[in-house]
Amino acid sequence: MNSPCYVAFLRGINVGRAKRIAMADLRLLVEGLGYTGVRSLLNSGNLVFRAQGVTAQEAARAIEEALVLRLGVAARVFVLGREELGAIIDGNPLLGVATDHARLIVFLLGAPAQRDKLAALDSRDWGCEQLALGERAAYVWCPEGMLDSAAATSLGKLLGDGTTSRNWNTLLKLHALCAEA
């Protein structure tokens, strides 16, 4: 029987000069936890792996702890099962609007209570931008780019390190890697 497939998203890894980690070192660290089939995508802390007898939350805590103890890097880790990531992908209401998937950003919500915090943002008029709330994610269409996005900035300030974001293309690639694993 195959072990369940998980996707890990490390917050703030290799962005700017802080929290620099070679992906080869990150893969070795996760393999050292007993997880198998570890693959990385891009250089920004995206991993796909298999693990038996562990929940997504347990895997996230184990990776966070190992990052500090073995690499001296503190970073929030979000782990989703393949089905959870699939539900986030299937639940995106902005696909008909977003013409450039590199500018369609998905913010993962670390806890259900975060969704309630975002209710006021959901009803705001964002001009050419759009924000929509899903069950486990907030979707933001940033036609002018994420750095110039009022919606993405507001969401990031409100949730702080309780979220991490990836563009739509990256999520699709990670989901496909999980399907291959």
Protein backbone atom coordinates (compact mmCIF):
# COMPACT_ATOMS: atom_id res chain seq x y z
CA MET A 1 0.00 0.00 0.00
CA ASN A 2 1.30 3.45 -0.92
CA SER A 3 1.79 5.99 1.84
CA PRO A 4 -0.34 9.12 1.63
CA CYS A 5 1.11 11.99 -0.41
CA TYR A 6 1.63 15.37 1.23
CA VAL A 7 2.67 18.79 0.01
CA ALA A 8 4.69 21.06 2.32
CA PHE A 9 4.86 24.82 1.89
CA LEU A 10 7.62 26.56 3.86
CA ARG A 11 6.85 30.21 4.55
CA GLY A 12 9.48 32.78 3.63
CA ILE A 13 12.19 30.38 2.46
CA ASN A 14 14.71 31.82 -0.02
CA VAL A 15 12.86 35.13 -0.31
CA GLY A 16 15.47 37.86 -0.24
CA ARG A 17 18.58 37.13 1.80
CA ALA A 18 16.98 35.69 4.91
CA LYS A 19 16.20 32.01 5.52
CA ARG A 20 18.37 30.64 2.73
CA ILE A 21 18.14 26.86 2.34
CA ALA A 22 19.45 24.72 -0.50
CA MET A 23 16.67 22.47 -1.75
CA ALA A 24 19.02 19.46 -1.63
CA ASP A 25 19.54 20.11 2.11
CA LEU A 26 15.80 20.50 2.61
CA ARG A 27 15.09 17.22 0.81
CA LEU A 28 17.70 15.43 2.97
CA LEU A 29 16.21 16.94 6.13
CA VAL A 30 12.72 15.66 5.26
CA GLU A 31 14.06 12.24 4.21
CA GLY A 32 15.82 12.14 7.61
CA LEU A 33 12.39 12.32 9.24
CA GLY A 34 11.52 9.03 7.57
CA TYR A 35 9.43 10.49 4.76
CA THR A 36 9.87 9.02 1.29
CA GLY A 37 9.72 10.13 -2.33
CA VAL A 38 10.76 13.65 -1.33
CA ARG A 39 10.79 16.07 -4.25
CA SER A 40 11.13 19.83 -4.33
CA LEU A 41 9.72 22.35 -6.76
CA LEU A 42 11.44 25.64 -7.46
CA ASN A 43 13.77 27.14 -4.87
CA SER A 44 11.15 28.45 -2.49
CA GLY A 45 10.35 25.72 0.00
CA ASN A 46 7.83 23.58 -1.85
CA LEU A 47 8.04 19.85 -1.17
CA VAL A 48 6.10 16.74 -2.08
CA PHE A 49 6.61 13.61 0.02
CA ARG A 50 4.98 10.42 1.24
CA ALA A 51 4.52 9.55 4.90
CA GLN A 52 2.84 6.65 6.62
CA GLY A 53 1.11 6.98 10.01
CA VAL A 54 1.41 10.75 10.32
CA THR A 55 -1.14 13.54 9.93
CA ALA A 56 -0.47 16.69 7.93
CA GLN A 57 -0.26 18.70 11.18
CA GLU A 58 2.23 16.24 12.69
CA ALA A 59 4.38 16.38 9.56
CA ALA A 60 4.32 20.20 9.63
CA ARG A 61 5.46 20.28 13.27
CA ALA A 62 8.19 17.71 12.62
CA ILE A 63 9.56 19.67 9.64
CA GLU A 64 9.43 22.98 11.55
CA GLU A 65 11.32 21.46 14.47
CA ALA A 66 13.93 19.80 12.24
CA LEU A 67 14.49 23.08 10.36
CA VAL A 68 15.42 24.81 13.62
CA LEU A 69 17.43 21.96 15.13
CA ARG A 70 19.35 20.88 12.02
CA LEU A 71 19.54 23.96 9.83
CA GLY A 72 19.04 26.79 12.32
CA VAL A 73 16.14 28.22 10.33
CA ALA A 74 12.78 29.07 11.88
CA ALA A 75 9.99 28.93 9.31
CA ARG A 76 6.30 28.21 9.47
CA VAL A 77 5.41 25.04 7.56
CA PHE A 78 2.01 24.28 6.07
CA VAL A 79 1.33 20.69 5.03
CA LEU A 80 -1.66 19.56 3.02
CA GLY A 81 -2.68 16.11 1.89
CA ARG A 82 -3.14 15.57 -1.83
CA GLU A 83 -6.93 15.62 -1.41
CA GLU A 84 -6.84 18.86 0.60
CA LEU A 85 -4.75 20.55 -2.09
CA GLY A 86 -7.12 19.15 -4.72
CA ALA A 87 -10.10 20.67 -2.89
CA ILE A 88 -8.35 24.07 -2.79
CA ILE A 89 -7.69 23.81 -6.53
CA ASP A 90 -11.25 22.69 -7.30
CA GLY A 91 -12.70 25.46 -5.12
CA ASN A 92 -11.07 28.41 -6.90
CA PRO A 93 -13.84 30.81 -7.94
CA LEU A 94 -11.51 33.21 -9.78
CA LEU A 95 -10.40 31.03 -12.68
CA GLY A 96 -12.85 32.69 -15.05
CA VAL A 97 -11.42 36.12 -14.20
CA ALA A 98 -7.68 35.52 -13.92
CA THR A 99 -6.06 35.76 -17.33
CA ASP A 100 -2.50 35.25 -16.04
CA HIS A 101 -2.14 32.36 -13.60
CA ALA A 102 1.20 33.69 -12.36
CA ARG A 103 -0.80 36.61 -10.90
CA LEU A 104 -3.52 34.47 -9.36
CA ILE A 105 -2.32 34.02 -5.79
CA VAL A 106 -3.61 31.47 -3.28
CA PHE A 107 -3.11 32.16 0.42
CA LEU A 108 -3.30 29.00 2.51
CA LEU A 109 -5.21 29.39 5.75
CA GLY A 110 -3.53 27.75 8.73
CA ALA A 111 -6.68 27.54 10.85
CA PRO A 112 -10.44 27.73 10.22
CA ALA A 113 -10.74 30.81 12.48
CA GLN A 114 -8.65 32.77 9.97
CA ARG A 115 -11.49 32.62 7.49
CA ASP A 116 -13.69 34.62 9.89
CA LYS A 117 -10.95 37.27 10.19
CA LEU A 118 -11.10 37.77 6.44
CA ALA A 119 -14.85 38.34 6.13
CA ALA A 120 -14.47 42.14 6.02
CA LEU A 121 -11.90 41.88 3.22
CA ASP A 122 -14.15 39.58 1.19
CA SER A 123 -16.85 42.22 0.83
CA ARG A 124 -14.52 45.11 -0.09
CA ASP A 125 -14.30 46.58 -3.57
CA TRP A 126 -10.74 45.98 -4.77
CA GLY A 127 -11.03 47.76 -8.12
CA CYS A 128 -9.43 45.63 -10.83
CA GLU A 129 -8.32 43.10 -8.22
CA GLN A 130 -10.52 40.39 -6.77
CA LEU A 131 -10.48 38.45 -3.52
CA ALA A 132 -12.54 35.36 -2.77
CA LEU A 133 -12.63 33.12 0.28
CA GLY A 134 -12.63 29.37 0.09
CA GLU A 135 -12.79 26.79 2.86
CA ARG A 136 -9.00 26.50 3.39
CA ALA A 137 -7.67 29.31 1.18
CA ALA A 138 -8.12 32.87 0.05
CA TYR A 139 -7.79 33.50 -3.67
CA VAL A 140 -6.48 36.85 -4.92
CA TRP A 141 -6.39 38.01 -8.52
CA CYS A 142 -3.57 40.57 -8.79
CA PRO A 143 -3.58 41.79 -12.41
CA GLU A 144 -0.88 44.38 -11.61
CA GLY A 145 1.25 41.86 -9.71
CA MET A 146 1.39 40.80 -6.08
CA LEU A 147 3.77 43.53 -4.93
CA ASP A 148 1.30 46.20 -6.10
CA SER A 149 -1.78 44.39 -4.81
CA ALA A 150 -3.82 46.12 -2.09
CA ALA A 151 -5.84 42.93 -1.55
CA ALA A 152 -2.76 40.71 -1.13
CA THR A 153 -1.08 43.26 1.14
CA SER A 154 -4.19 43.59 3.34
CA LEU A 155 -4.59 39.83 3.58
CA GLY A 156 -0.90 39.36 4.44
CA LYS A 157 -1.02 42.03 7.16
CA LEU A 158 -4.17 40.58 8.69
CA LEU A 159 -2.89 36.99 8.82
CA GLY A 160 0.85 37.55 9.33
CA ASP A 161 2.74 34.27 9.53
CA GLY A 162 -0.57 32.40 9.78
CA THR A 163 -0.55 32.08 6.00
CA THR A 164 1.72 31.44 3.08
CA SER A 165 0.97 32.07 -0.56
CA ARG A 166 1.80 30.56 -3.92
CA ASN A 167 0.73 31.42 -7.42
CA TRP A 168 -1.75 29.23 -9.24
CA ASN A 169 0.85 27.71 -11.58
CA THR A 170 2.94 26.51 -8.62
CA LEU A 171 -0.08 24.90 -6.91
CA LEU A 172 -0.99 23.02 -10.08
CA LYS A 173 2.60 21.78 -10.50
CA LEU A 174 2.74 20.61 -6.87
CA HIS A 175 -0.57 18.80 -7.21
CA ALA A 176 0.69 17.08 -10.37
CA LEU A 177 3.92 16.06 -8.59
CA CYS A 178 1.84 14.54 -5.81
CA ALA A 179 -0.17 12.59 -8.37
CA GLU A 180 3.08 11.22 -9.85
CA ALA A 181 4.65 10.36 -6.48
